[in-house]
Amino acid sequence: MPNLDSKLENKESIPHIFLFMWDMYGLEFCQDVTVVEKRNMMAALKGQPLERPFNLNALLMRARINSQRNYEIFTMTVEQGIAEQDVINWFNSNPQEAVNQIRARGRRLHGQVSCAPIIK
């Protein structure tokens, strides 16, 4: 019978949510939102100030104002074992594959609908 400790050690099944922003020149922003939320929850319990590593409204405004750069902003759920640097390396080594996977599995926050993959 599994005990509580073994469930706590098996953290690989806990998904993480990443926020991505890229344009025609490549990946501009990648953040593991789940890690930030966990740190903010602990800070709130301790009465410490919350961290704000990004401002989603500012990212959306930048994308709308610079429409000529064809920004896309997506969120995507990934397994916990995947770190921000892993995603950045994946995006830099094969950007089109990364974009296709994010478009197929993620949630679009900004970008043209025509950018979505064609499902046959």
PDB file of N, CA and C in Angstrom:
ATOM      1  N   MET A   1       0.847  -1.177   0.000  1.00  0.00           N
ATOM      2  CA  MET A   1       0.000   0.000   0.000  1.00  0.00           C
ATOM      3  C   MET A   1       0.892   1.239   0.000  1.00  0.00           C
ATOM      4  N   PRO A   2       0.674   2.188  -0.938  1.00  0.00           N
ATOM      5  CA  PRO A   2       1.506   3.389  -0.982  1.00  0.00           C
ATOM      6  C   PRO A   2       1.198   4.320   0.182  1.00  0.00           C
ATOM      7  N   ASN A   3       2.221   4.966   0.676  1.00  0.00           N
ATOM      8  CA  ASN A   3       2.006   5.932   1.751  1.00  0.00           C
ATOM      9  C   ASN A   3       2.114   7.351   1.203  1.00  0.00           C
ATOM     10  N   LEU A   4       1.884   8.318   2.056  1.00  0.00           N
ATOM     11  CA  LEU A   4       1.877   9.717   1.644  1.00  0.00           C
ATOM     12  C   LEU A   4       3.234  10.148   1.111  1.00  0.00           C
ATOM     13  N   ASP A   5       4.307   9.656   1.716  1.00  0.00           N
ATOM     14  CA  ASP A   5       5.644  10.057   1.278  1.00  0.00           C
ATOM     15  C   ASP A   5       5.927   9.623  -0.156  1.00  0.00           C
ATOM     16  N   SER A   6       5.485   8.432  -0.523  1.00  0.00           N
ATOM     17  CA  SER A   6       5.756   7.976  -1.884  1.00  0.00           C
ATOM     18  C   SER A   6       4.985   8.801  -2.896  1.00  0.00           C
ATOM     19  N   LYS A   7       3.801   9.278  -2.534  1.00  0.00           N
ATOM     20  CA  LYS A   7       3.046  10.135  -3.447  1.00  0.00           C
ATOM     21  C   LYS A   7       3.721  11.493  -3.588  1.00  0.00           C
ATOM     22  N   LEU A   8       4.304  11.988  -2.527  1.00  0.00           N
ATOM     23  CA  LEU A   8       4.993  13.275  -2.600  1.00  0.00           C
ATOM     24  C   LEU A   8       6.271  13.176  -3.425  1.00  0.00           C
ATOM     25  N   GLU A   9       6.922  12.008  -3.401  1.00  0.00           N
ATOM     26  CA  GLU A   9       8.149  11.836  -4.166  1.00  0.00           C
ATOM     27  C   GLU A   9       7.868  11.700  -5.662  1.00  0.00           C
ATOM     28  N   ASN A  10       6.674  11.238  -6.012  1.00  0.00           N
ATOM     29  CA  ASN A  10       6.322  11.054  -7.412  1.00  0.00           C
ATOM     30  C   ASN A  10       5.682  12.329  -7.943  1.00  0.00           C
ATOM     31  N   LYS A  11       6.490  13.359  -8.124  1.00  0.00           N
ATOM     32  CA  LYS A  11       5.982  14.651  -8.580  1.00  0.00           C
ATOM     33  C   LYS A  11       5.991  14.763 -10.097  1.00  0.00           C
ATOM     34  N   GLU A  12       6.478  13.739 -10.794  1.00  0.00           N
ATOM     35  CA  GLU A  12       6.560  13.804 -12.245  1.00  0.00           C
ATOM     36  C   GLU A  12       5.186  13.872 -12.896  1.00  0.00           C
ATOM     37  N   SER A  13       4.132  13.455 -12.208  1.00  0.00           N
ATOM     38  CA  SER A  13       2.805  13.443 -12.816  1.00  0.00           C
ATOM     39  C   SER A  13       2.086  14.790 -12.684  1.00  0.00           C
ATOM     40  N   ILE A  14       2.644  15.724 -11.920  1.00  0.00           N
ATOM     41  CA  ILE A  14       2.014  17.024 -11.734  1.00  0.00           C
ATOM     42  C   ILE A  14       2.329  17.891 -12.954  1.00  0.00           C
ATOM     43  N   PRO A  15       1.300  18.336 -13.686  1.00  0.00           N
ATOM     44  CA  PRO A  15       1.580  19.147 -14.879  1.00  0.00           C
ATOM     45  C   PRO A  15       1.969  20.572 -14.521  1.00  0.00           C
ATOM     46  N   HIS A  16       2.691  21.214 -15.416  1.00  0.00           N
ATOM     47  CA  HIS A  16       3.071  22.611 -15.289  1.00  0.00           C
ATOM     48  C   HIS A  16       2.523  23.373 -16.482  1.00  0.00           C
ATOM     49  N   ILE A  17       2.198  24.625 -16.263  1.00  0.00           N
ATOM     50  CA  ILE A  17       1.694  25.473 -17.336  1.00  0.00           C
ATOM     51  C   ILE A  17       2.784  26.465 -17.717  1.00  0.00           C
ATOM     52  N   PHE A  18       3.118  26.491 -18.994  1.00  0.00           N
ATOM     53  CA  PHE A  18       4.100  27.419 -19.528  1.00  0.00           C
ATOM     54  C   PHE A  18       3.390  28.495 -20.324  1.00  0.00           C
ATOM     55  N   LEU A  19       3.941  29.695 -20.283  1.00  0.00           N
ATOM     56  CA  LEU A  19       3.466  30.809 -21.090  1.00  0.00           C
ATOM     57  C   LEU A  19       4.547  31.110 -22.120  1.00  0.00           C
ATOM     58  N   PHE A  20       4.155  31.113 -23.392  1.00  0.00           N
ATOM     59  CA  PHE A  20       5.088  31.344 -24.492  1.00  0.00           C
ATOM     60  C   PHE A  20       4.679  32.586 -25.270  1.00  0.00           C
ATOM     61  N   MET A  21       5.692  33.306 -25.750  1.00  0.00           N
ATOM     62  CA  MET A  21       5.458  34.422 -26.659  1.00  0.00           C
ATOM     63  C   MET A  21       6.583  34.400 -27.687  1.00  0.00           C
ATOM     64  N   TRP A  22       6.207  34.357 -28.952  1.00  0.00           N
ATOM     65  CA  TRP A  22       7.205  34.394 -30.012  1.00  0.00           C
ATOM     66  C   TRP A  22       6.698  35.251 -31.153  1.00  0.00           C
ATOM     67  N   ASP A  23       7.635  35.638 -31.995  1.00  0.00           N
ATOM     68  CA  ASP A  23       7.293  36.408 -33.184  1.00  0.00           C
ATOM     69  C   ASP A  23       8.070  35.830 -34.355  1.00  0.00           C
ATOM     70  N   MET A  24       8.125  36.576 -35.449  1.00  0.00           N
ATOM     71  CA  MET A  24       8.778  36.080 -36.657  1.00  0.00           C
ATOM     72  C   MET A  24      10.286  35.907 -36.484  1.00  0.00           C
ATOM     73  N   TYR A  25      10.859  36.460 -35.416  1.00  0.00           N
ATOM     74  CA  TYR A  25      12.288  36.348 -35.174  1.00  0.00           C
ATOM     75  C   TYR A  25      12.637  35.251 -34.160  1.00  0.00           C
ATOM     76  N   GLY A  26      11.646  34.635 -33.538  1.00  0.00           N
ATOM     77  CA  GLY A  26      11.915  33.548 -32.615  1.00  0.00           C
ATOM     78  C   GLY A  26      11.241  33.738 -31.265  1.00  0.00           C
ATOM     79  N   LEU A  27      11.605  32.877 -30.341  1.00  0.00           N
ATOM     80  CA  LEU A  27      11.033  32.885 -29.005  1.00  0.00           C
ATOM     81  C   LEU A  27      11.476  34.131 -28.253  1.00  0.00           C
ATOM     82  N   GLU A  28      10.515  34.856 -27.712  1.00  0.00           N
ATOM     83  CA  GLU A  28      10.830  36.074 -26.972  1.00  0.00           C
ATOM     84  C   GLU A  28      10.600  35.905 -25.479  1.00  0.00           C
ATOM     85  N   PHE A  29       9.662  35.029 -25.101  1.00  0.00           N
ATOM     86  CA  PHE A  29       9.331  34.896 -23.686  1.00  0.00           C
ATOM     87  C   PHE A  29       8.888  33.459 -23.405  1.00  0.00           C
ATOM     88  N   CYS A  30       9.402  32.897 -22.325  1.00  0.00           N
ATOM     89  CA  CYS A  30       9.000  31.563 -21.871  1.00  0.00           C
ATOM     90  C   CYS A  30       9.045  31.566 -20.350  1.00  0.00           C
ATOM     91  N   GLN A  31       7.934  31.223 -19.711  1.00  0.00           N
ATOM     92  CA  GLN A  31       7.872  31.264 -18.245  1.00  0.00           C
ATOM     93  C   GLN A  31       7.043  30.094 -17.744  1.00  0.00           C
ATOM     94  N   ASP A  32       7.558  29.394 -16.732  1.00  0.00           N
ATOM     95  CA  ASP A  32       6.803  28.339 -16.062  1.00  0.00           C
ATOM     96  C   ASP A  32       5.891  29.018 -15.043  1.00  0.00           C
ATOM     97  N   VAL A  33       4.626  29.175 -15.391  1.00  0.00           N
ATOM     98  CA  VAL A  33       3.672  29.897 -14.549  1.00  0.00           C
ATOM     99  C   VAL A  33       3.400  29.142 -13.255  1.00  0.00           C
ATOM    100  N   THR A  34       3.413  27.821 -13.295  1.00  0.00           N
ATOM    101  CA  THR A  34       3.114  27.004 -12.113  1.00  0.00           C
ATOM    102  C   THR A  34       4.135  27.236 -11.006  1.00  0.00           C
ATOM    103  N   VAL A  35       5.400  27.359 -11.361  1.00  0.00           N
ATOM    104  CA  VAL A  35       6.449  27.592 -10.358  1.00  0.00           C
ATOM    105  C   VAL A  35       6.238  28.949  -9.694  1.00  0.00           C
ATOM    106  N   VAL A  36       5.902  29.957 -10.493  1.00  0.00           N
ATOM    107  CA  VAL A  36       5.663  31.292  -9.949  1.00  0.00           C
ATOM    108  C   VAL A  36       4.470  31.271  -9.000  1.00  0.00           C
ATOM    109  N   GLU A  37       3.414  30.551  -9.382  1.00  0.00           N
ATOM    110  CA  GLU A  37       2.219  30.465  -8.534  1.00  0.00           C
ATOM    111  C   GLU A  37       2.539  29.796  -7.193  1.00  0.00           C
ATOM    112  N   LYS A  38       3.349  28.752  -7.217  1.00  0.00           N
ATOM    113  CA  LYS A  38       3.725  28.061  -5.977  1.00  0.00           C
ATOM    114  C   LYS A  38       4.533  28.992  -5.064  1.00  0.00           C
ATOM    115  N   ARG A  39       5.496  29.709  -5.676  1.00  0.00           N
ATOM    116  CA  ARG A  39       6.305  30.629  -4.864  1.00  0.00           C
ATOM    117  C   ARG A  39       5.445  31.745  -4.283  1.00  0.00           C
ATOM    118  N   ASN A  40       4.485  32.252  -5.056  1.00  0.00           N
ATOM    119  CA  ASN A  40       3.610  33.307  -4.563  1.00  0.00           C
ATOM    120  C   ASN A  40       2.689  32.808  -3.465  1.00  0.00           C
ATOM    121  N   MET A  41       2.243  31.563  -3.556  1.00  0.00           N
ATOM    122  CA  MET A  41       1.401  31.011  -2.502  1.00  0.00           C
ATOM    123  C   MET A  41       2.174  30.932  -1.186  1.00  0.00           C
ATOM    124  N   MET A  42       3.426  30.465  -1.248  1.00  0.00           N
ATOM    125  CA  MET A  42       4.237  30.391  -0.033  1.00  0.00           C
ATOM    126  C   MET A  42       4.550  31.791   0.503  1.00  0.00           C
ATOM    127  N   ALA A  43       4.818  32.735  -0.378  1.00  0.00           N
ATOM    128  CA  ALA A  43       5.093  34.107   0.050  1.00  0.00           C
ATOM    129  C   ALA A  43       3.860  34.718   0.711  1.00  0.00           C
ATOM    130  N   ALA A  44       2.674  34.439   0.163  1.00  0.00           N
ATOM    131  CA  ALA A  44       1.440  34.975   0.755  1.00  0.00           C
ATOM    132  C   ALA A  44       1.205  34.381   2.137  1.00  0.00           C
ATOM    133  N   LEU A  45       1.501  33.102   2.311  1.00  0.00           N
ATOM    134  CA  LEU A  45       1.332  32.473   3.622  1.00  0.00           C
ATOM    135  C   LEU A  45       2.307  33.048   4.650  1.00  0.00           C
ATOM    136  N   LYS A  46       3.491  33.446   4.183  1.00  0.00           N
ATOM    137  CA  LYS A  46       4.498  34.018   5.077  1.00  0.00           C
ATOM    138  C   LYS A  46       4.337  35.526   5.252  1.00  0.00           C
ATOM    139  N   GLY A  47       3.411  36.137   4.513  1.00  0.00           N
ATOM    140  CA  GLY A  47       3.226  37.574   4.594  1.00  0.00           C
ATOM    141  C   GLY A  47       4.279  38.369   3.847  1.00  0.00           C
ATOM    142  N   GLN A  48       4.951  37.732   2.897  1.00  0.00           N
ATOM    143  CA  GLN A  48       5.982  38.399   2.112  1.00  0.00           C
ATOM    144  C   GLN A  48       5.366  38.957   0.828  1.00  0.00           C
ATOM    145  N   PRO A  49       6.044  39.901   0.189  1.00  0.00           N
ATOM    146  CA  PRO A  49       5.512  40.446  -1.077  1.00  0.00           C
ATOM    147  C   PRO A  49       5.541  39.387  -2.181  1.00  0.00           C
ATOM    148  N   LEU A  50       4.571  39.476  -3.073  1.00  0.00           N
ATOM    149  CA  LEU A  50       4.471  38.527  -4.175  1.00  0.00           C
ATOM    150  C   LEU A  50       5.377  38.957  -5.318  1.00  0.00           C
ATOM    151  N   GLU A  51       5.925  37.976  -6.025  1.00  0.00           N
ATOM    152  CA  GLU A  51       6.766  38.296  -7.168  1.00  0.00           C
ATOM    153  C   GLU A  51       5.909  38.401  -8.425  1.00  0.00           C
ATOM    154  N   ARG A  52       6.292  39.271  -9.293  1.00  0.00           N
ATOM    155  CA  ARG A  52       5.585  39.463 -10.562  1.00  0.00           C
ATOM    156  C   ARG A  52       6.630  39.466 -11.677  1.00  0.00           C
ATOM    157  N   PRO A  53       7.034  38.268 -12.134  1.00  0.00           N
ATOM    158  CA  PRO A  53       8.100  38.202 -13.145  1.00  0.00           C
ATOM    159  C   PRO A  53       7.657  38.619 -14.537  1.00  0.00           C
ATOM    160  N   PHE A  54       6.347  38.710 -14.763  1.00  0.00           N
ATOM    161  CA  PHE A  54       5.869  39.149 -16.064  1.00  0.00           C
ATOM    162  C   PHE A  54       4.495  39.778 -15.897  1.00  0.00           C
ATOM    163  N   ASN A  55       4.104  40.562 -16.887  1.00  0.00           N
ATOM    164  CA  ASN A  55       2.802  41.205 -16.909  1.00  0.00           C
ATOM    165  C   ASN A  55       2.124  40.780 -18.201  1.00  0.00           C
ATOM    166  N   LEU A  56       1.121  39.920 -18.096  1.00  0.00           N
ATOM    167  CA  LEU A  56       0.450  39.383 -19.274  1.00  0.00           C
ATOM    168  C   LEU A  56      -0.179  40.501 -20.105  1.00  0.00           C
ATOM    169  N   ASN A  57      -0.755  41.494 -19.447  1.00  0.00           N
ATOM    170  CA  ASN A  57      -1.350  42.609 -20.196  1.00  0.00           C
ATOM    171  C   ASN A  57      -0.301  43.354 -21.019  1.00  0.00           C
ATOM    172  N   ALA A  58       0.902  43.511 -20.470  1.00  0.00           N
ATOM    173  CA  ALA A  58       1.972  44.178 -21.216  1.00  0.00           C
ATOM    174  C   ALA A  58       2.406  43.334 -22.413  1.00  0.00           C
ATOM    175  N   LEU A  59       2.458  42.015 -22.244  1.00  0.00           N
ATOM    176  CA  LEU A  59       2.810  41.134 -23.357  1.00  0.00           C
ATOM    177  C   LEU A  59       1.756  41.217 -24.466  1.00  0.00           C
ATOM    178  N   LEU A  60       0.479  41.210 -24.067  1.00  0.00           N
ATOM    179  CA  LEU A  60      -0.599  41.302 -25.053  1.00  0.00           C
ATOM    180  C   LEU A  60      -0.582  42.647 -25.766  1.00  0.00           C
ATOM    181  N   MET A  61      -0.311  43.721 -25.022  1.00  0.00           N
ATOM    182  CA  MET A  61      -0.256  45.047 -25.625  1.00  0.00           C
ATOM    183  C   MET A  61       0.913  45.132 -26.617  1.00  0.00           C
ATOM    184  N   ARG A  62       2.056  44.586 -26.239  1.00  0.00           N
ATOM    185  CA  ARG A  62       3.219  44.574 -27.137  1.00  0.00           C
ATOM    186  C   ARG A  62       2.889  43.823 -28.428  1.00  0.00           C
ATOM    187  N   ALA A  63       2.182  42.710 -28.293  1.00  0.00           N
ATOM    188  CA  ALA A  63       1.817  41.921 -29.475  1.00  0.00           C
ATOM    189  C   ALA A  63       0.840  42.677 -30.378  1.00  0.00           C
ATOM    190  N   ARG A  64      -0.120  43.375 -29.775  1.00  0.00           N
ATOM    191  CA  ARG A  64      -1.092  44.127 -30.573  1.00  0.00           C
ATOM    192  C   ARG A  64      -0.461  45.343 -31.260  1.00  0.00           C
ATOM    193  N   ILE A  65       0.413  46.040 -30.546  1.00  0.00           N
ATOM    194  CA  ILE A  65       1.026  47.251 -31.099  1.00  0.00           C
ATOM    195  C   ILE A  65       2.015  46.904 -32.210  1.00  0.00           C
ATOM    196  N   ASN A  66       2.735  45.813 -32.060  1.00  0.00           N
ATOM    197  CA  ASN A  66       3.728  45.389 -33.056  1.00  0.00           C
ATOM    198  C   ASN A  66       3.164  44.284 -33.943  1.00  0.00           C
ATOM    199  N   SER A  67       2.009  44.510 -34.506  1.00  0.00           N
ATOM    200  CA  SER A  67       1.339  43.473 -35.285  1.00  0.00           C
ATOM    201  C   SER A  67       2.149  43.043 -36.507  1.00  0.00           C
ATOM    202  N   GLN A  68       3.036  43.896 -37.011  1.00  0.00           N
ATOM    203  CA  GLN A  68       3.844  43.543 -38.164  1.00  0.00           C
ATOM    204  C   GLN A  68       4.819  42.405 -37.857  1.00  0.00           C
ATOM    205  N   ARG A  69       5.087  42.146 -36.572  1.00  0.00           N
ATOM    206  CA  ARG A  69       6.011  41.072 -36.197  1.00  0.00           C
ATOM    207  C   ARG A  69       5.301  39.735 -35.999  1.00  0.00           C
ATOM    208  N   ASN A  70       3.981  39.716 -36.148  1.00  0.00           N
ATOM    209  CA  ASN A  70       3.189  38.483 -36.076  1.00  0.00           C
ATOM    210  C   ASN A  70       3.410  37.712 -34.768  1.00  0.00           C
ATOM    211  N   TYR A  71       3.240  38.389 -33.658  1.00  0.00           N
ATOM    212  CA  TYR A  71       3.377  37.746 -32.351  1.00  0.00           C
ATOM    213  C   TYR A  71       2.307  36.684 -32.139  1.00  0.00           C
ATOM    214  N   GLU A  72       2.681  35.657 -31.421  1.00  0.00           N
ATOM    215  CA  GLU A  72       1.739  34.650 -30.953  1.00  0.00           C
ATOM    216  C   GLU A  72       2.018  34.418 -29.476  1.00  0.00           C
ATOM    217  N   ILE A  73       0.955  34.336 -28.694  1.00  0.00           N
ATOM    218  CA  ILE A  73       1.072  34.066 -27.259  1.00  0.00           C
ATOM    219  C   ILE A  73       0.202  32.855 -26.959  1.00  0.00           C
ATOM    220  N   PHE A  74       0.807  31.843 -26.351  1.00  0.00           N
ATOM    221  CA  PHE A  74       0.117  30.597 -26.030  1.00  0.00           C
ATOM    222  C   PHE A  74       0.463  30.154 -24.618  1.00  0.00           C
ATOM    223  N   THR A  75      -0.423  29.366 -24.036  1.00  0.00           N
ATOM    224  CA  THR A  75      -0.102  28.605 -22.836  1.00  0.00           C
ATOM    225  C   THR A  75      -0.141  27.134 -23.229  1.00  0.00           C
ATOM    226  N   MET A  76       0.656  26.332 -22.551  1.00  0.00           N
ATOM    227  CA  MET A  76       0.650  24.897 -22.814  1.00  0.00           C
ATOM    228  C   MET A  76       0.990  24.156 -21.528  1.00  0.00           C
ATOM    229  N   THR A  77       0.307  23.077 -21.281  1.00  0.00           N
ATOM    230  CA  THR A  77       0.556  22.236 -20.123  1.00  0.00           C
ATOM    231  C   THR A  77       1.595  21.184 -20.483  1.00  0.00           C
ATOM    232  N   VAL A  78       2.618  21.055 -19.636  1.00  0.00           N
ATOM    233  CA  VAL A  78       3.680  20.070 -19.843  1.00  0.00           C
ATOM    234  C   VAL A  78       3.907  19.308 -18.542  1.00  0.00           C
ATOM    235  N   GLU A  79       4.647  18.214 -18.624  1.00  0.00           N
ATOM    236  CA  GLU A  79       4.985  17.446 -17.429  1.00  0.00           C
ATOM    237  C   GLU A  79       5.979  18.222 -16.582  1.00  0.00           C
ATOM    238  N   GLN A  80       6.013  17.906 -15.288  1.00  0.00           N
ATOM    239  CA  GLN A  80       6.866  18.661 -14.382  1.00  0.00           C
ATOM    240  C   GLN A  80       8.347  18.492 -14.682  1.00  0.00           C
ATOM    241  N   GLY A  81       8.763  17.376 -15.213  1.00  0.00           N
ATOM    242  CA  GLY A  81      10.179  17.130 -15.460  1.00  0.00           C
ATOM    243  C   GLY A  81      10.790  18.043 -16.506  1.00  0.00           C
ATOM    244  N   ILE A  82       9.967  18.803 -17.221  1.00  0.00           N
ATOM    245  CA  ILE A  82      10.459  19.687 -18.270  1.00  0.00           C
ATOM    246  C   ILE A  82      10.676  21.077 -17.678  1.00  0.00           C
ATOM    247  N   ALA A  83      11.902  21.573 -17.801  1.00  0.00           N
ATOM    248  CA  ALA A  83      12.257  22.878 -17.241  1.00  0.00           C
ATOM    249  C   ALA A  83      12.220  23.951 -18.326  1.00  0.00           C
ATOM    250  N   GLU A  84      12.237  25.206 -17.890  1.00  0.00           N
ATOM    251  CA  GLU A  84      12.216  26.325 -18.836  1.00  0.00           C
ATOM    252  C   GLU A  84      13.381  26.249 -19.818  1.00  0.00           C
ATOM    253  N   GLN A  85      14.556  25.928 -19.327  1.00  0.00           N
ATOM    254  CA  GLN A  85      15.730  25.870 -20.206  1.00  0.00           C
ATOM    255  C   GLN A  85      15.581  24.757 -21.237  1.00  0.00           C
ATOM    256  N   ASP A  86      14.942  23.642 -20.866  1.00  0.00           N
ATOM    257  CA  ASP A  86      14.686  22.569 -21.828  1.00  0.00           C
ATOM    258  C   ASP A  86      13.803  23.063 -22.963  1.00  0.00           C
ATOM    259  N   VAL A  87      12.765  23.814 -22.625  1.00  0.00           N
ATOM    260  CA  VAL A  87      11.847  24.332 -23.637  1.00  0.00           C
ATOM    261  C   VAL A  87      12.553  25.354 -24.523  1.00  0.00           C
ATOM    262  N   ILE A  88      13.360  26.211 -23.941  1.00  0.00           N
ATOM    263  CA  ILE A  88      14.091  27.210 -24.712  1.00  0.00           C
ATOM    264  C   ILE A  88      15.068  26.528 -25.674  1.00  0.00           C
ATOM    265  N   ASN A  89      15.781  25.516 -25.194  1.00  0.00           N
ATOM    266  CA  ASN A  89      16.704  24.778 -26.059  1.00  0.00           C
ATOM    267  C   ASN A  89      15.956  24.081 -27.191  1.00  0.00           C
ATOM    268  N   TRP A  90      14.796  23.486 -26.874  1.00  0.00           N
ATOM    269  CA  TRP A  90      13.973  22.819 -27.884  1.00  0.00           C
ATOM    270  C   TRP A  90      13.522  23.831 -28.933  1.00  0.00           C
ATOM    271  N   PHE A  91      13.076  24.991 -28.476  1.00  0.00           N
ATOM    272  CA  PHE A  91      12.607  26.031 -29.393  1.00  0.00           C
ATOM    273  C   PHE A  91      13.747  26.534 -30.272  1.00  0.00           C
ATOM    274  N   ASN A  92      14.928  26.712 -29.700  1.00  0.00           N
ATOM    275  CA  ASN A  92      16.066  27.224 -30.465  1.00  0.00           C
ATOM    276  C   ASN A  92      16.614  26.200 -31.450  1.00  0.00           C
ATOM    277  N   SER A  93      16.566  24.916 -31.103  1.00  0.00           N
ATOM    278  CA  SER A  93      17.109  23.888 -31.984  1.00  0.00           C
ATOM    279  C   SER A  93      16.172  23.545 -33.135  1.00  0.00           C
ATOM    280  N   ASN A  94      14.861  23.598 -32.894  1.00  0.00           N
ATOM    281  CA  ASN A  94      13.896  23.266 -33.939  1.00  0.00           C
ATOM    282  C   ASN A  94      12.653  24.131 -33.765  1.00  0.00           C
ATOM    283  N   PRO A  95      12.721  25.405 -34.150  1.00  0.00           N
ATOM    284  CA  PRO A  95      11.628  26.329 -33.855  1.00  0.00           C
ATOM    285  C   PRO A  95      10.297  25.965 -34.513  1.00  0.00           C
ATOM    286  N   GLN A  96      10.315  25.477 -35.752  1.00  0.00           N
ATOM    287  CA  GLN A  96       9.046  25.176 -36.410  1.00  0.00           C
ATOM    288  C   GLN A  96       8.343  24.008 -35.744  1.00  0.00           C
ATOM    289  N   GLU A  97       9.088  22.990 -35.342  1.00  0.00           N
ATOM    290  CA  GLU A  97       8.482  21.855 -34.632  1.00  0.00           C
ATOM    291  C   GLU A  97       7.910  22.300 -33.295  1.00  0.00           C
ATOM    292  N   ALA A  98       8.639  23.153 -32.590  1.00  0.00           N
ATOM    293  CA  ALA A  98       8.153  23.662 -31.312  1.00  0.00           C
ATOM    294  C   ALA A  98       6.861  24.451 -31.498  1.00  0.00           C
ATOM    295  N   VAL A  99       6.841  25.329 -32.480  1.00  0.00           N
ATOM    296  CA  VAL A  99       5.645  26.131 -32.748  1.00  0.00           C
ATOM    297  C   VAL A  99       4.465  25.233 -33.117  1.00  0.00           C
ATOM    298  N   ASN A 100       4.714  24.238 -33.962  1.00  0.00           N
ATOM    299  CA  ASN A 100       3.632  23.328 -34.357  1.00  0.00           C
ATOM    300  C   ASN A 100       3.074  22.575 -33.154  1.00  0.00           C
ATOM    301  N   GLN A 101       3.942  22.108 -32.262  1.00  0.00           N
ATOM    302  CA  GLN A 101       3.491  21.385 -31.076  1.00  0.00           C
ATOM    303  C   GLN A 101       2.715  22.293 -30.133  1.00  0.00           C
ATOM    304  N   ILE A 102       3.206  23.500 -29.934  1.00  0.00           N
ATOM    305  CA  ILE A 102       2.524  24.441 -29.038  1.00  0.00           C
ATOM    306  C   ILE A 102       1.169  24.823 -29.609  1.00  0.00           C
ATOM    307  N   ARG A 103       1.115  25.074 -30.916  1.00  0.00           N
ATOM    308  CA  ARG A 103      -0.170  25.405 -31.540  1.00  0.00           C
ATOM    309  C   ARG A 103      -1.160  24.251 -31.435  1.00  0.00           C
ATOM    310  N   ALA A 104      -0.675  23.037 -31.607  1.00  0.00           N
ATOM    311  CA  ALA A 104      -1.556  21.865 -31.588  1.00  0.00           C
ATOM    312  C   ALA A 104      -2.046  21.526 -30.188  1.00  0.00           C
ATOM    313  N   ARG A 105      -1.187  21.703 -29.185  1.00  0.00           N
ATOM    314  CA  ARG A 105      -1.515  21.260 -27.830  1.00  0.00           C
ATOM    315  C   ARG A 105      -1.801  22.378 -26.846  1.00  0.00           C
ATOM    316  N   GLY A 106      -1.518  23.603 -27.247  1.00  0.00           N
ATOM    317  CA  GLY A 106      -1.651  24.724 -26.324  1.00  0.00           C
ATOM    318  C   GLY A 106      -2.954  25.476 -26.485  1.00  0.00           C
ATOM    319  N   ARG A 107      -3.049  26.552 -25.733  1.00  0.00           N
ATOM    320  CA  ARG A 107      -4.227  27.435 -25.773  1.00  0.00           C
ATOM    321  C   ARG A 107      -3.773  28.793 -26.263  1.00  0.00           C
ATOM    322  N   ARG A 108      -4.371  29.273 -27.339  1.00  0.00           N
ATOM    323  CA  ARG A 108      -3.992  30.534 -27.954  1.00  0.00           C
ATOM    324  C   ARG A 108      -4.567  31.703 -27.159  1.00  0.00           C
ATOM    325  N   LEU A 109      -3.691  32.634 -26.747  1.00  0.00           N
ATOM    326  CA  LEU A 109      -4.114  33.857 -26.089  1.00  0.00           C
ATOM    327  C   LEU A 109      -4.075  35.037 -27.052  1.00  0.00           C
ATOM    328  N   HIS A 110      -3.140  34.987 -27.995  1.00  0.00           N
ATOM    329  CA  HIS A 110      -3.038  36.035 -29.009  1.00  0.00           C
ATOM    330  C   HIS A 110      -2.383  35.437 -30.239  1.00  0.00           C
ATOM    331  N   GLY A 111      -2.845  35.874 -31.380  1.00  0.00           N
ATOM    332  CA  GLY A 111      -2.297  35.416 -32.650  1.00  0.00           C
ATOM    333  C   GLY A 111      -3.428  35.216 -33.633  1.00  0.00           C
ATOM    334  N   GLN A 112      -3.072  35.186 -34.877  1.00  0.00           N
ATOM    335  CA  GLN A 112      -4.086  35.021 -35.902  1.00  0.00           C
ATOM    336  C   GLN A 112      -4.618  33.599 -35.903  1.00  0.00           C
ATOM    337  N   VAL A 113      -5.911  33.479 -36.132  1.00  0.00           N
ATOM    338  CA  VAL A 113      -6.528  32.157 -36.191  1.00  0.00           C
ATOM    339  C   VAL A 113      -5.948  31.365 -37.353  1.00  0.00           C
ATOM    340  N   SER A 114      -5.560  32.050 -38.414  1.00  0.00           N
ATOM    341  CA  SER A 114      -5.002  31.356 -39.571  1.00  0.00           C
ATOM    342  C   SER A 114      -3.658  30.706 -39.262  1.00  0.00           C
ATOM    343  N   CYS A 115      -3.053  31.033 -38.102  1.00  0.00           N
ATOM    344  CA  CYS A 115      -1.783  30.440 -37.723  1.00  0.00           C
ATOM    345  C   CYS A 115      -1.958  29.021 -37.182  1.00  0.00           C
ATOM    346  N   ALA A 116      -3.204  28.662 -36.860  1.00  0.00           N
ATOM    347  CA  ALA A 116      -3.454  27.339 -36.295  1.00  0.00           C
ATOM    348  C   ALA A 116      -3.171  26.266 -37.345  1.00  0.00           C
ATOM    349  N   PRO A 117      -2.697  25.089 -36.903  1.00  0.00           N
ATOM    350  CA  PRO A 117      -2.404  24.029 -37.854  1.00  0.00           C
ATOM    351  C   PRO A 117      -3.677  23.500 -38.509  1.00  0.00           C
ATOM    352  N   ILE A 118      -3.543  23.019 -39.715  1.00  0.00           N
ATOM    353  CA  ILE A 118      -4.675  22.436 -40.419  1.00  0.00           C
ATOM    354  C   ILE A 118      -4.756  20.969 -40.040  1.00  0.00           C
ATOM    355  N   ILE A 119      -5.895  20.572 -39.484  1.00  0.00           N
ATOM    356  CA  ILE A 119      -6.087  19.182 -39.051  1.00  0.00           C
ATOM    357  C   ILE A 119      -6.785  18.435 -40.170  1.00  0.00           C
ATOM    358  N   LYS A 120      -6.186  17.348 -40.622  1.00  0.00           N
ATOM    359  CA  LYS A 120      -6.782  16.551 -41.716  1.00  0.00           C
ATOM    360  C   LYS A 120      -7.457  15.322 -41.170  1.00  0.00           C
TER     361      LYS A 120
END
